[in-house]
């Protein structure tokens, strides 16, 4: 029996479109999302951005949204998404070298 999770946000687009976007290249994503109304596009960007496994798709969709529409749909989260989407830097790339923490025993020597 199917049980709805009432705490889970609903996708702003049909699941078929979401599945298509997840397996499409950038050109196909752009073509598909540009056919959506601006508010629906912004809602889709925020929906995807809020899920780890779809965050890159959220950024890609967010590139095709105005800052104003992202802010009106998502508030401060929309502004953050807009700035990250327009930035040329990847959102999840950290330092390539892991930072080793220096250990000092000096404070325990006394």
PDB file of N, CA and C in Angstrom:
ATOM      1  N   UNK A   1       0.839  -1.177   0.000  1.00  0.00           N
ATOM      2  CA  UNK A   1       0.000   0.000   0.000  1.00  0.00           C
ATOM      3  C   UNK A   1       0.889   1.247   0.000  1.00  0.00           C
ATOM      4  N   UNK A   2       0.547   2.215  -0.802  1.00  0.00           N
ATOM      5  CA  UNK A   2       1.304   3.466  -0.915  1.00  0.00           C
ATOM      6  C   UNK A   2       0.924   4.400   0.218  1.00  0.00           C
ATOM      7  N   UNK A   3       1.933   4.922   0.886  1.00  0.00           N
ATOM      8  CA  UNK A   3       1.694   5.884   1.962  1.00  0.00           C
ATOM      9  C   UNK A   3       2.396   7.177   1.616  1.00  0.00           C
ATOM     10  N   UNK A   4       1.675   8.260   1.572  1.00  0.00           N
ATOM     11  CA  UNK A   4       2.263   9.561   1.241  1.00  0.00           C
ATOM     12  C   UNK A   4       3.034  10.088   2.439  1.00  0.00           C
ATOM     13  N   UNK A   5       4.181  10.678   2.158  1.00  0.00           N
ATOM     14  CA  UNK A   5       4.955  11.333   3.206  1.00  0.00           C
ATOM     15  C   UNK A   5       4.610  12.812   3.150  1.00  0.00           C
ATOM     16  N   UNK A   6       3.861  13.276   4.122  1.00  0.00           N
ATOM     17  CA  UNK A   6       3.360  14.645   4.091  1.00  0.00           C
ATOM     18  C   UNK A   6       4.434  15.676   4.413  1.00  0.00           C
ATOM     19  N   UNK A   7       5.583  15.234   4.896  1.00  0.00           N
ATOM     20  CA  UNK A   7       6.674  16.164   5.168  1.00  0.00           C
ATOM     21  C   UNK A   7       7.549  16.398   3.946  1.00  0.00           C
ATOM     22  N   UNK A   8       7.407  15.593   2.938  1.00  0.00           N
ATOM     23  CA  UNK A   8       8.235  15.690   1.738  1.00  0.00           C
ATOM     24  C   UNK A   8       7.608  16.672   0.751  1.00  0.00           C
ATOM     25  N   UNK A   9       8.424  17.597   0.264  1.00  0.00           N
ATOM     26  CA  UNK A   9       7.939  18.562  -0.729  1.00  0.00           C
ATOM     27  C   UNK A   9       7.615  17.834  -2.028  1.00  0.00           C
ATOM     28  N   UNK A  10       6.606  18.330  -2.719  1.00  0.00           N
ATOM     29  CA  UNK A  10       6.223  17.732  -3.997  1.00  0.00           C
ATOM     30  C   UNK A  10       6.995  18.398  -5.118  1.00  0.00           C
ATOM     31  N   UNK A  11       7.330  17.621  -6.110  1.00  0.00           N
ATOM     32  CA  UNK A  11       8.049  18.143  -7.267  1.00  0.00           C
ATOM     33  C   UNK A  11       7.164  19.143  -8.008  1.00  0.00           C
ATOM     34  N   UNK A  12       7.734  20.295  -8.399  1.00  0.00           N
ATOM     35  CA  UNK A  12       6.944  21.291  -9.132  1.00  0.00           C
ATOM     36  C   UNK A  12       6.693  20.904 -10.590  1.00  0.00           C
ATOM     37  N   UNK A  13       7.293  19.813 -11.039  1.00  0.00           N
ATOM     38  CA  UNK A  13       7.058  19.305 -12.392  1.00  0.00           C
ATOM     39  C   UNK A  13       6.689  17.829 -12.280  1.00  0.00           C
ATOM     40  N   UNK A  14       6.022  17.280 -13.294  1.00  0.00           N
ATOM     41  CA  UNK A  14       5.722  15.846 -13.264  1.00  0.00           C
ATOM     42  C   UNK A  14       7.011  15.020 -13.151  1.00  0.00           C
ATOM     43  N   UNK A  15       6.915  13.871 -12.511  1.00  0.00           N
ATOM     44  CA  UNK A  15       8.094  13.033 -12.298  1.00  0.00           C
ATOM     45  C   UNK A  15       8.748  12.592 -13.602  1.00  0.00           C
ATOM     46  N   UNK A  16       7.964  12.488 -14.677  1.00  0.00           N
ATOM     47  CA  UNK A  16       8.535  12.109 -15.970  1.00  0.00           C
ATOM     48  C   UNK A  16       9.519  13.176 -16.454  1.00  0.00           C
ATOM     49  N   UNK A  17       9.158  14.440 -16.274  1.00  0.00           N
ATOM     50  CA  UNK A  17      10.047  15.541 -16.683  1.00  0.00           C
ATOM     51  C   UNK A  17      11.280  15.567 -15.795  1.00  0.00           C
ATOM     52  N   UNK A  18      11.097  15.359 -14.510  1.00  0.00           N
ATOM     53  CA  UNK A  18      12.230  15.335 -13.588  1.00  0.00           C
ATOM     54  C   UNK A  18      13.193  14.205 -13.951  1.00  0.00           C
ATOM     55  N   UNK A  19      12.664  13.041 -14.267  1.00  0.00           N
ATOM     56  CA  UNK A  19      13.506  11.909 -14.674  1.00  0.00           C
ATOM     57  C   UNK A  19      14.253  12.226 -15.964  1.00  0.00           C
ATOM     58  N   UNK A  20      13.576  12.872 -16.910  1.00  0.00           N
ATOM     59  CA  UNK A  20      14.221  13.271 -18.163  1.00  0.00           C
ATOM     60  C   UNK A  20      15.374  14.232 -17.889  1.00  0.00           C
ATOM     61  N   UNK A  21      15.146  15.213 -17.029  1.00  0.00           N
ATOM     62  CA  UNK A  21      16.184  16.196 -16.707  1.00  0.00           C
ATOM     63  C   UNK A  21      17.388  15.538 -16.042  1.00  0.00           C
ATOM     64  N   UNK A  22      17.142  14.569 -15.181  1.00  0.00           N
ATOM     65  CA  UNK A  22      18.233  13.915 -14.461  1.00  0.00           C
ATOM     66  C   UNK A  22      19.163  13.132 -15.382  1.00  0.00           C
ATOM     67  N   UNK A  23      18.654  12.672 -16.507  1.00  0.00           N
ATOM     68  CA  UNK A  23      19.509  11.892 -17.405  1.00  0.00           C
ATOM     69  C   UNK A  23      19.882  12.646 -18.684  1.00  0.00           C
ATOM     70  N   UNK A  24      19.615  13.947 -18.721  1.00  0.00           N
ATOM     71  CA  UNK A  24      19.889  14.753 -19.915  1.00  0.00           C
ATOM     72  C   UNK A  24      21.187  15.534 -19.789  1.00  0.00           C
ATOM     73  N   UNK A  25      21.731  15.914 -20.950  1.00  0.00           N
ATOM     74  CA  UNK A  25      22.910  16.783 -20.959  1.00  0.00           C
ATOM     75  C   UNK A  25      22.461  18.235 -20.783  1.00  0.00           C
ATOM     76  N   UNK A  26      23.441  19.140 -20.663  1.00  0.00           N
ATOM     77  CA  UNK A  26      23.133  20.550 -20.387  1.00  0.00           C
ATOM     78  C   UNK A  26      22.222  21.177 -21.434  1.00  0.00           C
ATOM     79  N   UNK A  27      22.450  20.861 -22.707  1.00  0.00           N
ATOM     80  CA  UNK A  27      21.646  21.455 -23.780  1.00  0.00           C
ATOM     81  C   UNK A  27      20.180  21.026 -23.672  1.00  0.00           C
ATOM     82  N   UNK A  28      19.953  19.755 -23.392  1.00  0.00           N
ATOM     83  CA  UNK A  28      18.580  19.246 -23.270  1.00  0.00           C
ATOM     84  C   UNK A  28      17.903  19.801 -22.016  1.00  0.00           C
ATOM     85  N   UNK A  29      18.674  19.941 -20.926  1.00  0.00           N
ATOM     86  CA  UNK A  29      18.124  20.537 -19.705  1.00  0.00           C
ATOM     87  C   UNK A  29      17.683  21.966 -19.992  1.00  0.00           C
ATOM     88  N   UNK A  30      18.549  22.735 -20.663  1.00  0.00           N
ATOM     89  CA  UNK A  30      18.220  24.128 -20.987  1.00  0.00           C
ATOM     90  C   UNK A  30      16.964  24.200 -21.851  1.00  0.00           C
ATOM     91  N   UNK A  31      16.903  23.364 -22.876  1.00  0.00           N
ATOM     92  CA  UNK A  31      15.739  23.358 -23.772  1.00  0.00           C
ATOM     93  C   UNK A  31      14.453  23.036 -23.008  1.00  0.00           C
ATOM     94  N   UNK A  32      14.532  22.067 -22.118  1.00  0.00           N
ATOM     95  CA  UNK A  32      13.351  21.633 -21.372  1.00  0.00           C
ATOM     96  C   UNK A  32      12.901  22.682 -20.364  1.00  0.00           C
ATOM     97  N   UNK A  33      13.838  23.228 -19.587  1.00  0.00           N
ATOM     98  CA  UNK A  33      13.429  24.169 -18.538  1.00  0.00           C
ATOM     99  C   UNK A  33      13.032  25.525 -19.100  1.00  0.00           C
ATOM    100  N   UNK A  34      13.581  25.914 -20.236  1.00  0.00           N
ATOM    101  CA  UNK A  34      13.188  27.197 -20.823  1.00  0.00           C
ATOM    102  C   UNK A  34      11.757  27.171 -21.346  1.00  0.00           C
ATOM    103  N   UNK A  35      11.192  25.975 -21.523  1.00  0.00           N
ATOM    104  CA  UNK A  35       9.793  25.851 -21.934  1.00  0.00           C
ATOM    105  C   UNK A  35       8.838  26.007 -20.746  1.00  0.00           C
ATOM    106  N   UNK A  36       9.376  25.981 -19.528  1.00  0.00           N
ATOM    107  CA  UNK A  36       8.550  26.124 -18.328  1.00  0.00           C
ATOM    108  C   UNK A  36       8.350  27.594 -17.990  1.00  0.00           C
ATOM    109  N   UNK A  37       7.245  27.931 -17.330  1.00  0.00           N
ATOM    110  CA  UNK A  37       7.073  29.305 -16.836  1.00  0.00           C
ATOM    111  C   UNK A  37       8.165  29.633 -15.810  1.00  0.00           C
ATOM    112  N   UNK A  38       8.522  30.902 -15.723  1.00  0.00           N
ATOM    113  CA  UNK A  38       9.620  31.344 -14.853  1.00  0.00           C
ATOM    114  C   UNK A  38       9.442  30.903 -13.401  1.00  0.00           C
ATOM    115  N   UNK A  39       8.249  31.051 -12.845  1.00  0.00           N
ATOM    116  CA  UNK A  39       8.025  30.675 -11.440  1.00  0.00           C
ATOM    117  C   UNK A  39       8.185  29.170 -11.231  1.00  0.00           C
ATOM    118  N   UNK A  40       7.704  28.382 -12.175  1.00  0.00           N
ATOM    119  CA  UNK A  40       7.834  26.929 -12.076  1.00  0.00           C
ATOM    120  C   UNK A  40       9.300  26.520 -12.209  1.00  0.00           C
ATOM    121  N   UNK A  41      10.021  27.197 -13.082  1.00  0.00           N
ATOM    122  CA  UNK A  41      11.451  26.938 -13.271  1.00  0.00           C
ATOM    123  C   UNK A  41      12.219  27.223 -11.979  1.00  0.00           C
ATOM    124  N   UNK A  42      11.901  28.347 -11.326  1.00  0.00           N
ATOM    125  CA  UNK A  42      12.561  28.701 -10.065  1.00  0.00           C
ATOM    126  C   UNK A  42      12.219  27.684  -8.974  1.00  0.00           C
ATOM    127  N   UNK A  43      10.965  27.272  -8.913  1.00  0.00           N
ATOM    128  CA  UNK A  43      10.560  26.268  -7.923  1.00  0.00           C
ATOM    129  C   UNK A  43      11.286  24.950  -8.161  1.00  0.00           C
ATOM    130  N   UNK A  44      11.459  24.575  -9.418  1.00  0.00           N
ATOM    131  CA  UNK A  44      12.186  23.355  -9.757  1.00  0.00           C
ATOM    132  C   UNK A  44      13.651  23.467  -9.346  1.00  0.00           C
ATOM    133  N   UNK A  45      14.266  24.607  -9.611  1.00  0.00           N
ATOM    134  CA  UNK A  45      15.670  24.811  -9.233  1.00  0.00           C
ATOM    135  C   UNK A  45      15.839  24.658  -7.725  1.00  0.00           C
ATOM    136  N   UNK A  46      14.956  25.264  -6.948  1.00  0.00           N
ATOM    137  CA  UNK A  46      15.041  25.174  -5.490  1.00  0.00           C
ATOM    138  C   UNK A  46      14.730  23.767  -4.991  1.00  0.00           C
ATOM    139  N   UNK A  47      13.781  23.105  -5.618  1.00  0.00           N
ATOM    140  CA  UNK A  47      13.447  21.728  -5.249  1.00  0.00           C
ATOM    141  C   UNK A  47      14.666  20.826  -5.432  1.00  0.00           C
ATOM    142  N   UNK A  48      15.318  20.936  -6.572  1.00  0.00           N
ATOM    143  CA  UNK A  48      16.494  20.100  -6.852  1.00  0.00           C
ATOM    144  C   UNK A  48      17.676  20.490  -5.971  1.00  0.00           C
ATOM    145  N   UNK A  49      17.887  21.779  -5.787  1.00  0.00           N
ATOM    146  CA  UNK A  49      19.015  22.273  -4.997  1.00  0.00           C
ATOM    147  C   UNK A  49      18.934  21.802  -3.547  1.00  0.00           C
ATOM    148  N   UNK A  50      17.732  21.599  -3.063  1.00  0.00           N
ATOM    149  CA  UNK A  50      17.536  21.163  -1.686  1.00  0.00           C
ATOM    150  C   UNK A  50      17.774  19.685  -1.454  1.00  0.00           C
ATOM    151  N   UNK A  51      18.126  18.950  -2.481  1.00  0.00           N
ATOM    152  CA  UNK A  51      18.381  17.517  -2.364  1.00  0.00           C
ATOM    153  C   UNK A  51      19.792  17.224  -2.848  1.00  0.00           C
ATOM    154  N   UNK A  52      20.582  16.587  -1.999  1.00  0.00           N
ATOM    155  CA  UNK A  52      22.004  16.356  -2.301  1.00  0.00           C
ATOM    156  C   UNK A  52      22.217  15.699  -3.658  1.00  0.00           C
ATOM    157  N   UNK A  53      21.445  14.690  -3.963  1.00  0.00           N
ATOM    158  CA  UNK A  53      21.658  13.943  -5.196  1.00  0.00           C
ATOM    159  C   UNK A  53      21.207  14.704  -6.443  1.00  0.00           C
ATOM    160  N   UNK A  54      20.514  15.835  -6.269  1.00  0.00           N
ATOM    161  CA  UNK A  54      20.070  16.626  -7.419  1.00  0.00           C
ATOM    162  C   UNK A  54      20.593  18.056  -7.373  1.00  0.00           C
ATOM    163  N   UNK A  55      21.554  18.328  -6.490  1.00  0.00           N
ATOM    164  CA  UNK A  55      22.033  19.699  -6.312  1.00  0.00           C
ATOM    165  C   UNK A  55      22.634  20.266  -7.598  1.00  0.00           C
ATOM    166  N   UNK A  56      23.406  19.475  -8.337  1.00  0.00           N
ATOM    167  CA  UNK A  56      23.999  19.994  -9.577  1.00  0.00           C
ATOM    168  C   UNK A  56      22.917  20.328 -10.604  1.00  0.00           C
ATOM    169  N   UNK A  57      21.851  19.541 -10.651  1.00  0.00           N
ATOM    170  CA  UNK A  57      20.732  19.860 -11.547  1.00  0.00           C
ATOM    171  C   UNK A  57      20.052  21.147 -11.092  1.00  0.00           C
ATOM    172  N   UNK A  58      19.917  21.336  -9.794  1.00  0.00           N
ATOM    173  CA  UNK A  58      19.338  22.572  -9.270  1.00  0.00           C
ATOM    174  C   UNK A  58      20.131  23.794  -9.684  1.00  0.00           C
ATOM    175  N   UNK A  59      21.453  23.686  -9.642  1.00  0.00           N
ATOM    176  CA  UNK A  59      22.305  24.797 -10.080  1.00  0.00           C
ATOM    177  C   UNK A  59      22.160  25.038 -11.578  1.00  0.00           C
ATOM    178  N   UNK A  60      22.086  23.950 -12.331  1.00  0.00           N
ATOM    179  CA  UNK A  60      21.935  24.072 -13.783  1.00  0.00           C
ATOM    180  C   UNK A  60      20.605  24.739 -14.143  1.00  0.00           C
ATOM    181  N   UNK A  61      19.538  24.331 -13.492  1.00  0.00           N
ATOM    182  CA  UNK A  61      18.233  24.950 -13.733  1.00  0.00           C
ATOM    183  C   UNK A  61      18.257  26.395 -13.241  1.00  0.00           C
ATOM    184  N   UNK A  62      18.911  26.634 -12.113  1.00  0.00           N
ATOM    185  CA  UNK A  62      19.006  27.977 -11.553  1.00  0.00           C
ATOM    186  C   UNK A  62      19.698  28.972 -12.473  1.00  0.00           C
ATOM    187  N   UNK A  63      20.601  28.493 -13.325  1.00  0.00           N
ATOM    188  CA  UNK A  63      21.271  29.375 -14.296  1.00  0.00           C
ATOM    189  C   UNK A  63      20.286  29.969 -15.297  1.00  0.00           C
ATOM    190  N   UNK A  64      19.144  29.332 -15.453  1.00  0.00           N
ATOM    191  CA  UNK A  64      18.135  29.788 -16.413  1.00  0.00           C
ATOM    192  C   UNK A  64      17.000  30.551 -15.725  1.00  0.00           C
ATOM    193  N   UNK A  65      17.240  30.964 -14.478  1.00  0.00           N
ATOM    194  CA  UNK A  65      16.244  31.723 -13.717  1.00  0.00           C
ATOM    195  C   UNK A  65      16.794  33.098 -13.388  1.00  0.00           C
ATOM    196  N   UNK A  66      15.896  34.054 -13.259  1.00  0.00           N
ATOM    197  CA  UNK A  66      16.325  35.381 -12.812  1.00  0.00           C
ATOM    198  C   UNK A  66      16.487  35.362 -11.294  1.00  0.00           C
ATOM    199  N   UNK A  67      17.349  36.249 -10.804  1.00  0.00           N
ATOM    200  CA  UNK A  67      17.542  36.349  -9.357  1.00  0.00           C
ATOM    201  C   UNK A  67      16.227  36.702  -8.671  1.00  0.00           C
ATOM    202  N   UNK A  68      15.461  37.566  -9.303  1.00  0.00           N
ATOM    203  CA  UNK A  68      14.177  37.997  -8.732  1.00  0.00           C
ATOM    204  C   UNK A  68      13.217  36.816  -8.570  1.00  0.00           C
ATOM    205  N   UNK A  69      13.128  35.948  -9.585  1.00  0.00           N
ATOM    206  CA  UNK A  69      12.196  34.819  -9.477  1.00  0.00           C
ATOM    207  C   UNK A  69      12.661  33.816  -8.426  1.00  0.00           C
ATOM    208  N   UNK A  70      13.966  33.579  -8.349  1.00  0.00           N
ATOM    209  CA  UNK A  70      14.474  32.664  -7.327  1.00  0.00           C
ATOM    210  C   UNK A  70      14.234  33.217  -5.924  1.00  0.00           C
ATOM    211  N   UNK A  71      14.416  34.529  -5.766  1.00  0.00           N
ATOM    212  CA  UNK A  71      14.184  35.138  -4.458  1.00  0.00           C
ATOM    213  C   UNK A  71      12.701  35.110  -4.093  1.00  0.00           C
ATOM    214  N   UNK A  72      11.827  35.369  -5.062  1.00  0.00           N
ATOM    215  CA  UNK A  72      10.395  35.389  -4.745  1.00  0.00           C
ATOM    216  C   UNK A  72       9.882  33.995  -4.394  1.00  0.00           C
ATOM    217  N   UNK A  73      10.452  32.967  -4.997  1.00  0.00           N
ATOM    218  CA  UNK A  73      10.015  31.602  -4.700  1.00  0.00           C
ATOM    219  C   UNK A  73      10.697  31.057  -3.444  1.00  0.00           C
ATOM    220  N   UNK A  74      11.988  31.354  -3.276  1.00  0.00           N
ATOM    221  CA  UNK A  74      12.734  30.719  -2.193  1.00  0.00           C
ATOM    222  C   UNK A  74      13.316  31.623  -1.133  1.00  0.00           C
ATOM    223  N   UNK A  75      13.067  32.923  -1.212  1.00  0.00           N
ATOM    224  CA  UNK A  75      13.611  33.836  -0.208  1.00  0.00           C
ATOM    225  C   UNK A  75      15.130  33.879  -0.234  1.00  0.00           C
ATOM    226  N   UNK A  76      15.746  33.849   0.940  1.00  0.00           N
ATOM    227  CA  UNK A  76      17.209  33.931   1.002  1.00  0.00           C
ATOM    228  C   UNK A  76      17.869  32.700   0.387  1.00  0.00           C
ATOM    229  N   UNK A  77      17.220  31.543   0.466  1.00  0.00           N
ATOM    230  CA  UNK A  77      17.759  30.347  -0.188  1.00  0.00           C
ATOM    231  C   UNK A  77      17.793  30.545  -1.703  1.00  0.00           C
ATOM    232  N   UNK A  78      16.800  31.231  -2.241  1.00  0.00           N
ATOM    233  CA  UNK A  78      16.777  31.536  -3.668  1.00  0.00           C
ATOM    234  C   UNK A  78      17.913  32.456  -4.068  1.00  0.00           C
ATOM    235  N   UNK A  79      18.217  33.441  -3.220  1.00  0.00           N
ATOM    236  CA  UNK A  79      19.348  34.337  -3.494  1.00  0.00           C
ATOM    237  C   UNK A  79      20.669  33.582  -3.483  1.00  0.00           C
ATOM    238  N   UNK A  80      20.831  32.699  -2.521  1.00  0.00           N
ATOM    239  CA  UNK A  80      22.054  31.891  -2.452  1.00  0.00           C
ATOM    240  C   UNK A  80      22.174  31.025  -3.692  1.00  0.00           C
ATOM    241  N   UNK A  81      21.085  30.380  -4.074  1.00  0.00           N
ATOM    242  CA  UNK A  81      21.090  29.548  -5.275  1.00  0.00           C
ATOM    243  C   UNK A  81      21.444  30.372  -6.497  1.00  0.00           C
ATOM    244  N   UNK A  82      20.873  31.552  -6.622  1.00  0.00           N
ATOM    245  CA  UNK A  82      21.149  32.417  -7.764  1.00  0.00           C
ATOM    246  C   UNK A  82      22.628  32.760  -7.851  1.00  0.00           C
ATOM    247  N   UNK A  83      23.213  33.129  -6.727  1.00  0.00           N
ATOM    248  CA  UNK A  83      24.633  33.507  -6.721  1.00  0.00           C
ATOM    249  C   UNK A  83      25.527  32.316  -7.022  1.00  0.00           C
ATOM    250  N   UNK A  84      25.209  31.160  -6.476  1.00  0.00           N
ATOM    251  CA  UNK A  84      26.018  29.975  -6.754  1.00  0.00           C
ATOM    252  C   UNK A  84      25.849  29.518  -8.196  1.00  0.00           C
ATOM    253  N   UNK A  85      24.641  29.630  -8.726  1.00  0.00           N
ATOM    254  CA  UNK A  85      24.393  29.203 -10.104  1.00  0.00           C
ATOM    255  C   UNK A  85      25.128  30.100 -11.097  1.00  0.00           C
ATOM    256  N   UNK A  86      25.208  31.394 -10.811  1.00  0.00           N
ATOM    257  CA  UNK A  86      25.876  32.322 -11.724  1.00  0.00           C
ATOM    258  C   UNK A  86      27.392  32.302 -11.565  1.00  0.00           C
ATOM    259  N   UNK A  87      27.869  31.771 -10.447  1.00  0.00           N
ATOM    260  CA  UNK A  87      29.305  31.680 -10.203  1.00  0.00           C
ATOM    261  C   UNK A  87      29.899  30.606 -11.107  1.00  0.00           C
ATOM    262  N   UNK A  88      31.101  30.826 -11.550  1.00  0.00           N
ATOM    263  CA  UNK A  88      31.766  29.846 -12.407  1.00  0.00           C
ATOM    264  C   UNK A  88      32.374  28.713 -11.591  1.00  0.00           C
ATOM    265  N   UNK A  89      32.469  28.886 -10.280  1.00  0.00           N
ATOM    266  CA  UNK A  89      33.096  27.884  -9.433  1.00  0.00           C
ATOM    267  C   UNK A  89      32.110  26.770  -9.093  1.00  0.00           C
ATOM    268  N   UNK A  90      32.583  25.528  -9.098  1.00  0.00           N
ATOM    269  CA  UNK A  90      31.724  24.434  -8.653  1.00  0.00           C
ATOM    270  C   UNK A  90      31.388  24.605  -7.175  1.00  0.00           C
ATOM    271  N   UNK A  91      30.197  24.184  -6.784  1.00  0.00           N
ATOM    272  CA  UNK A  91      29.737  24.415  -5.420  1.00  0.00           C
ATOM    273  C   UNK A  91      30.336  23.458  -4.409  1.00  0.00           C
ATOM    274  N   UNK A  92      30.774  22.292  -4.843  1.00  0.00           N
ATOM    275  CA  UNK A  92      31.182  21.273  -3.881  1.00  0.00           C
ATOM    276  C   UNK A  92      32.654  20.919  -3.951  1.00  0.00           C
ATOM    277  N   UNK A  93      33.452  21.756  -4.572  1.00  0.00           N
ATOM    278  CA  UNK A  93      34.872  21.462  -4.684  1.00  0.00           C
ATOM    279  C   UNK A  93      35.610  22.192  -3.579  1.00  0.00           C
ATOM    280  N   UNK A  94      36.280  21.433  -2.763  1.00  0.00           N
ATOM    281  CA  UNK A  94      37.073  22.014  -1.684  1.00  0.00           C
ATOM    282  C   UNK A  94      38.543  21.974  -2.059  1.00  0.00           C
ATOM    283  N   UNK A  95      39.367  22.121  -1.082  1.00  0.00           N
ATOM    284  CA  UNK A  95      40.802  22.049  -1.293  1.00  0.00           C
ATOM    285  C   UNK A  95      41.164  20.660  -1.796  1.00  0.00           C
ATOM    286  N   UNK A  96      42.077  20.598  -2.756  1.00  0.00           N
ATOM    287  CA  UNK A  96      42.461  19.300  -3.300  1.00  0.00           C
ATOM    288  C   UNK A  96      43.353  18.530  -2.339  1.00  0.00           C
ATOM    289  N   UNK A  97      44.010  19.226  -1.441  1.00  0.00           N
ATOM    290  CA  UNK A  97      44.862  18.588  -0.444  1.00  0.00           C
ATOM    291  C   UNK A  97      44.141  18.569   0.898  1.00  0.00           C
ATOM    292  N   UNK A  98      43.985  17.400   1.483  1.00  0.00           N
ATOM    293  CA  UNK A  98      43.354  17.375   2.801  1.00  0.00           C
ATOM    294  C   UNK A  98      44.229  18.116   3.806  1.00  0.00           C
ATOM    295  N   UNK A  99      43.598  18.873   4.644  1.00  0.00           N
ATOM    296  CA  UNK A  99      44.333  19.649   5.640  1.00  0.00           C
ATOM    297  C   UNK A  99      44.609  18.767   6.851  1.00  0.00           C
ATOM    298  N   UNK A 100      45.891  18.599   7.144  1.00  0.00           N
ATOM    299  CA  UNK A 100      46.275  17.846   8.322  1.00  0.00           C
ATOM    300  C   UNK A 100      46.299  18.778   9.512  1.00  0.00           C
ATOM    301  N   UNK A 101      45.691  18.362  10.537  1.00  0.00           N
ATOM    302  CA  UNK A 101      45.679  19.174  11.742  1.00  0.00           C
ATOM    303  C   UNK A 101      46.938  18.878  12.545  1.00  0.00           C
ATOM    304  N   UNK A 102      47.627  19.919  12.936  1.00  0.00           N
ATOM    305  CA  UNK A 102      48.844  19.747  13.724  1.00  0.00           C
ATOM    306  C   UNK A 102      48.454  19.397  15.153  1.00  0.00           C
ATOM    307  N   UNK A 103      49.148  18.450  15.688  1.00  0.00           N
ATOM    308  CA  UNK A 103      48.883  18.018  17.053  1.00  0.00           C
ATOM    309  C   UNK A 103      50.015  18.496  17.945  1.00  0.00           C
ATOM    310  N   UNK A 104      49.646  19.130  19.003  1.00  0.00           N
ATOM    311  CA  UNK A 104      50.636  19.622  19.954  1.00  0.00           C
ATOM    312  C   UNK A 104      50.326  19.038  21.322  1.00  0.00           C
ATOM    313  N   UNK A 105      51.352  18.488  21.939  1.00  0.00           N
ATOM    314  CA  UNK A 105      51.184  17.928  23.272  1.00  0.00           C
ATOM    315  C   UNK A 105      51.703  18.875  24.345  1.00  0.00           C
ATOM    316  N   UNK A 106      52.124  20.057  23.952  1.00  0.00           N
ATOM    317  CA  UNK A 106      52.745  20.995  24.878  1.00  0.00           C
ATOM    318  C   UNK A 106      51.831  21.360  26.040  1.00  0.00           C
ATOM    319  N   UNK A 107      50.553  21.496  25.809  1.00  0.00           N
ATOM    320  CA  UNK A 107      49.677  21.916  26.893  1.00  0.00           C
ATOM    321  C   UNK A 107      49.456  20.808  27.926  1.00  0.00           C
ATOM    322  N   UNK A 108      49.780  19.596  27.565  1.00  0.00           N
ATOM    323  CA  UNK A 108      49.621  18.483  28.492  1.00  0.00           C
ATOM    324  C   UNK A 108      50.915  18.139  29.225  1.00  0.00           C
ATOM    325  N   UNK A 109      52.023  18.783  28.869  1.00  0.00           N
ATOM    326  CA  UNK A 109      53.328  18.466  29.442  1.00  0.00           C
ATOM    327  C   UNK A 109      53.509  19.022  30.849  1.00  0.00           C
ATOM    328  N   UNK A 110      52.722  19.950  31.260  1.00  0.00           N
ATOM    329  CA  UNK A 110      52.936  20.607  32.558  1.00  0.00           C
ATOM    330  C   UNK A 110      52.564  19.784  33.739  1.00  0.00           C
TER     331      UNK A 110
END
